[in-house]
Amino acid sequence: MSAQIISTANADHYTWGNRCDGWFLVRTPELNIIEERMPPGTSETRHHHVRARQFFFVLEGELTMEIEQHRLTVHAGQGIEVAPGQQHQAINRGPTPLRIVVTSQPPSHGDRIEETP
């Protein structure tokens, strides 16, 4: 396969949660790199992954990441790692859309366990 330029304009797209978008920039059995867009006031459900290690990198906006009951604020140009087994939840508490790149190794889809409240 020859190299190709990937962006949200030509990547596989999906929606999740309440009006959130995701684009697969890299999608292999070993690695997923996804750009996500979260409108203001949206969040994912608290969960953890059995095998996947993730890294969330903020492109625009401000990410509130809750990891194991600790709330951290991640600004544009910053990132945060989530280890396998750690309960976490990504939240956009800001007034503008949040754009993040999420790297998961191995891929996190199918490896997600929802936390009970």
C-alpha atoms as a PDB file:
ATOM      1  CA  MET A   1       0.000   0.000   0.000  1.00  0.00           C
ATOM      2  CA  SER A   2       1.271   3.448  -0.797  1.00  0.00           C
ATOM      3  CA  ALA A   3       1.235   6.233   1.759  1.00  0.00           C
ATOM      4  CA  GLN A   4      -1.780   8.503   1.779  1.00  0.00           C
ATOM      5  CA  ILE A   5      -2.681  11.741   3.518  1.00  0.00           C
ATOM      6  CA  ILE A   6      -5.465  11.273   6.095  1.00  0.00           C
ATOM      7  CA  SER A   7      -7.728  13.961   7.552  1.00  0.00           C
ATOM      8  CA  THR A   8     -11.279  14.276   8.833  1.00  0.00           C
ATOM      9  CA  ALA A   9     -12.268  15.023   5.221  1.00  0.00           C
ATOM     10  CA  ASN A  10     -11.462  11.471   4.046  1.00  0.00           C
ATOM     11  CA  ALA A  11     -11.271   9.329   7.227  1.00  0.00           C
ATOM     12  CA  ASP A  12     -13.996   6.873   8.280  1.00  0.00           C
ATOM     13  CA  HIS A  13     -16.479   8.833  10.428  1.00  0.00           C
ATOM     14  CA  TYR A  14     -18.797   7.735  13.237  1.00  0.00           C
ATOM     15  CA  THR A  15     -20.942   9.453  15.852  1.00  0.00           C
ATOM     16  CA  TRP A  16     -21.115   8.668  19.551  1.00  0.00           C
ATOM     17  CA  GLY A  17     -22.781   9.986  22.692  1.00  0.00           C
ATOM     18  CA  ASN A  18     -24.777  13.177  22.318  1.00  0.00           C
ATOM     19  CA  ARG A  19     -23.676  14.845  19.041  1.00  0.00           C
ATOM     20  CA  CYS A  20     -20.011  13.805  19.291  1.00  0.00           C
ATOM     21  CA  ASP A  21     -17.979  12.825  16.226  1.00  0.00           C
ATOM     22  CA  GLY A  22     -15.021  10.525  15.656  1.00  0.00           C
ATOM     23  CA  TRP A  23     -12.749   9.974  12.654  1.00  0.00           C
ATOM     24  CA  PHE A  24     -10.407   6.966  12.338  1.00  0.00           C
ATOM     25  CA  LEU A  25      -7.068   8.459  11.266  1.00  0.00           C
ATOM     26  CA  VAL A  26      -5.315   5.101  11.799  1.00  0.00           C
ATOM     27  CA  ARG A  27      -7.281   1.872  12.221  1.00  0.00           C
ATOM     28  CA  THR A  28      -5.280  -1.347  12.483  1.00  0.00           C
ATOM     29  CA  PRO A  29      -5.571  -4.443  14.700  1.00  0.00           C
ATOM     30  CA  GLU A  30      -2.683  -3.078  16.796  1.00  0.00           C
ATOM     31  CA  LEU A  31      -3.408   0.669  16.942  1.00  0.00           C
ATOM     32  CA  ASN A  32      -6.207   3.220  16.626  1.00  0.00           C
ATOM     33  CA  ILE A  33      -5.676   6.959  16.282  1.00  0.00           C
ATOM     34  CA  ILE A  34      -8.944   8.868  16.305  1.00  0.00           C
ATOM     35  CA  GLU A  35      -9.745  12.554  16.087  1.00  0.00           C
ATOM     36  CA  GLU A  36     -12.840  13.379  18.125  1.00  0.00           C
ATOM     37  CA  ARG A  37     -15.025  16.448  18.369  1.00  0.00           C
ATOM     38  CA  MET A  38     -17.116  17.038  21.500  1.00  0.00           C
ATOM     39  CA  PRO A  39     -19.587  19.953  21.578  1.00  0.00           C
ATOM     40  CA  PRO A  40     -19.795  22.057  24.774  1.00  0.00           C
ATOM     41  CA  GLY A  41     -21.535  20.258  27.647  1.00  0.00           C
ATOM     42  CA  THR A  42     -20.962  16.725  26.331  1.00  0.00           C
ATOM     43  CA  SER A  43     -19.203  13.782  27.936  1.00  0.00           C
ATOM     44  CA  GLU A  44     -18.615  10.091  27.566  1.00  0.00           C
ATOM     45  CA  THR A  45     -19.773   7.611  30.192  1.00  0.00           C
ATOM     46  CA  ARG A  46     -17.299   6.586  32.895  1.00  0.00           C
ATOM     47  CA  HIS A  47     -15.584   3.358  31.858  1.00  0.00           C
ATOM     48  CA  HIS A  48     -12.299   1.483  31.726  1.00  0.00           C
ATOM     49  CA  HIS A  49     -10.467  -0.749  29.280  1.00  0.00           C
ATOM     50  CA  VAL A  50      -9.041  -4.156  30.089  1.00  0.00           C
ATOM     51  CA  ARG A  51      -6.124  -4.047  27.604  1.00  0.00           C
ATOM     52  CA  ALA A  52      -6.047  -0.653  25.888  1.00  0.00           C
ATOM     53  CA  ARG A  53      -3.655   2.096  26.946  1.00  0.00           C
ATOM     54  CA  GLN A  54      -4.846   5.487  25.725  1.00  0.00           C
ATOM     55  CA  PHE A  55      -3.373   8.921  25.196  1.00  0.00           C
ATOM     56  CA  PHE A  56      -5.647  11.955  24.804  1.00  0.00           C
ATOM     57  CA  PHE A  57      -4.081  15.013  23.126  1.00  0.00           C
ATOM     58  CA  VAL A  58      -6.016  18.302  23.002  1.00  0.00           C
ATOM     59  CA  LEU A  59      -5.976  20.175  19.680  1.00  0.00           C
ATOM     60  CA  GLU A  60      -8.580  22.840  20.544  1.00  0.00           C
ATOM     61  CA  GLY A  61     -10.646  23.617  23.616  1.00  0.00           C
ATOM     62  CA  GLU A  62     -10.246  22.287  27.130  1.00  0.00           C
ATOM     63  CA  LEU A  63     -10.649  18.651  28.189  1.00  0.00           C
ATOM     64  CA  THR A  64     -11.777  17.745  31.683  1.00  0.00           C
ATOM     65  CA  MET A  65     -10.573  14.214  32.297  1.00  0.00           C
ATOM     66  CA  GLU A  66     -11.716  12.301  35.352  1.00  0.00           C
ATOM     67  CA  ILE A  67      -9.358   9.429  36.143  1.00  0.00           C
ATOM     68  CA  GLU A  68      -9.991   7.282  39.216  1.00  0.00           C
ATOM     69  CA  GLN A  69     -12.138  10.044  40.828  1.00  0.00           C
ATOM     70  CA  HIS A  70      -9.481  12.766  40.167  1.00  0.00           C
ATOM     71  CA  ARG A  71     -10.486  15.636  37.887  1.00  0.00           C
ATOM     72  CA  LEU A  72      -7.743  17.069  35.662  1.00  0.00           C
ATOM     73  CA  THR A  73      -7.902  19.933  33.150  1.00  0.00           C
ATOM     74  CA  VAL A  74      -5.984  19.418  29.913  1.00  0.00           C
ATOM     75  CA  HIS A  75      -5.448  22.454  27.660  1.00  0.00           C
ATOM     76  CA  ALA A  76      -4.678  22.736  23.929  1.00  0.00           C
ATOM     77  CA  GLY A  77      -1.174  21.437  23.236  1.00  0.00           C
ATOM     78  CA  GLN A  78      -1.278  19.106  26.258  1.00  0.00           C
ATOM     79  CA  GLY A  79      -2.093  15.428  26.636  1.00  0.00           C
ATOM     80  CA  ILE A  80      -2.846  12.808  29.267  1.00  0.00           C
ATOM     81  CA  GLU A  81      -2.280   9.047  29.402  1.00  0.00           C
ATOM     82  CA  VAL A  82      -4.825   6.555  30.736  1.00  0.00           C
ATOM     83  CA  ALA A  83      -3.503   3.115  31.691  1.00  0.00           C
ATOM     84  CA  PRO A  84      -5.451  -0.122  31.220  1.00  0.00           C
ATOM     85  CA  GLY A  85      -7.904  -0.669  34.085  1.00  0.00           C
ATOM     86  CA  GLN A  86      -8.163   3.010  35.097  1.00  0.00           C
ATOM     87  CA  GLN A  87     -11.712   4.345  35.322  1.00  0.00           C
ATOM     88  CA  HIS A  88     -11.971   7.487  33.219  1.00  0.00           C
ATOM     89  CA  GLN A  89     -14.381   9.919  31.611  1.00  0.00           C
ATOM     90  CA  ALA A  90     -13.737  12.674  29.052  1.00  0.00           C
ATOM     91  CA  ILE A  91     -15.869  15.801  29.533  1.00  0.00           C
ATOM     92  CA  ASN A  92     -16.154  19.117  27.680  1.00  0.00           C
ATOM     93  CA  ARG A  93     -17.098  21.656  30.349  1.00  0.00           C
ATOM     94  CA  GLY A  94     -15.902  24.568  28.203  1.00  0.00           C
ATOM     95  CA  PRO A  95     -17.919  27.010  26.073  1.00  0.00           C
ATOM     96  CA  THR A  96     -16.390  25.872  22.747  1.00  0.00           C
ATOM     97  CA  PRO A  97     -16.123  22.561  20.896  1.00  0.00           C
ATOM     98  CA  LEU A  98     -13.315  20.272  22.047  1.00  0.00           C
ATOM     99  CA  ARG A  99     -11.058  18.608  19.456  1.00  0.00           C
ATOM    100  CA  ILE A 100      -8.825  15.800  20.665  1.00  0.00           C
ATOM    101  CA  VAL A 101      -6.703  13.027  19.195  1.00  0.00           C
ATOM    102  CA  VAL A 102      -7.110   9.722  21.023  1.00  0.00           C
ATOM    103  CA  THR A 103      -4.467   7.041  20.546  1.00  0.00           C
ATOM    104  CA  SER A 104      -5.369   3.525  21.731  1.00  0.00           C
ATOM    105  CA  GLN A 105      -3.003   0.561  21.763  1.00  0.00           C
ATOM    106  CA  PRO A 106      -4.382  -2.004  21.286  1.00  0.00           C
ATOM    107  CA  PRO A 107      -7.639  -0.540  19.903  1.00  0.00           C
ATOM    108  CA  SER A 108     -10.177   0.299  22.606  1.00  0.00           C
ATOM    109  CA  HIS A 109     -13.361  -0.554  20.667  1.00  0.00           C
ATOM    110  CA  GLY A 110     -14.650  -3.869  22.023  1.00  0.00           C
ATOM    111  CA  ASP A 111     -12.463  -3.464  25.128  1.00  0.00           C
ATOM    112  CA  ARG A 112     -14.695  -1.031  27.015  1.00  0.00           C
ATOM    113  CA  ILE A 113     -16.358  -1.837  30.342  1.00  0.00           C
ATOM    114  CA  GLU A 114     -18.974   0.658  31.541  1.00  0.00           C
ATOM    115  CA  GLU A 115     -18.799   1.650  35.206  1.00  0.00           C
ATOM    116  CA  THR A 116     -21.921   1.416  37.312  1.00  0.00           C
ATOM    117  CA  PRO A 117     -22.872   4.618  39.173  1.00  0.00           C
END
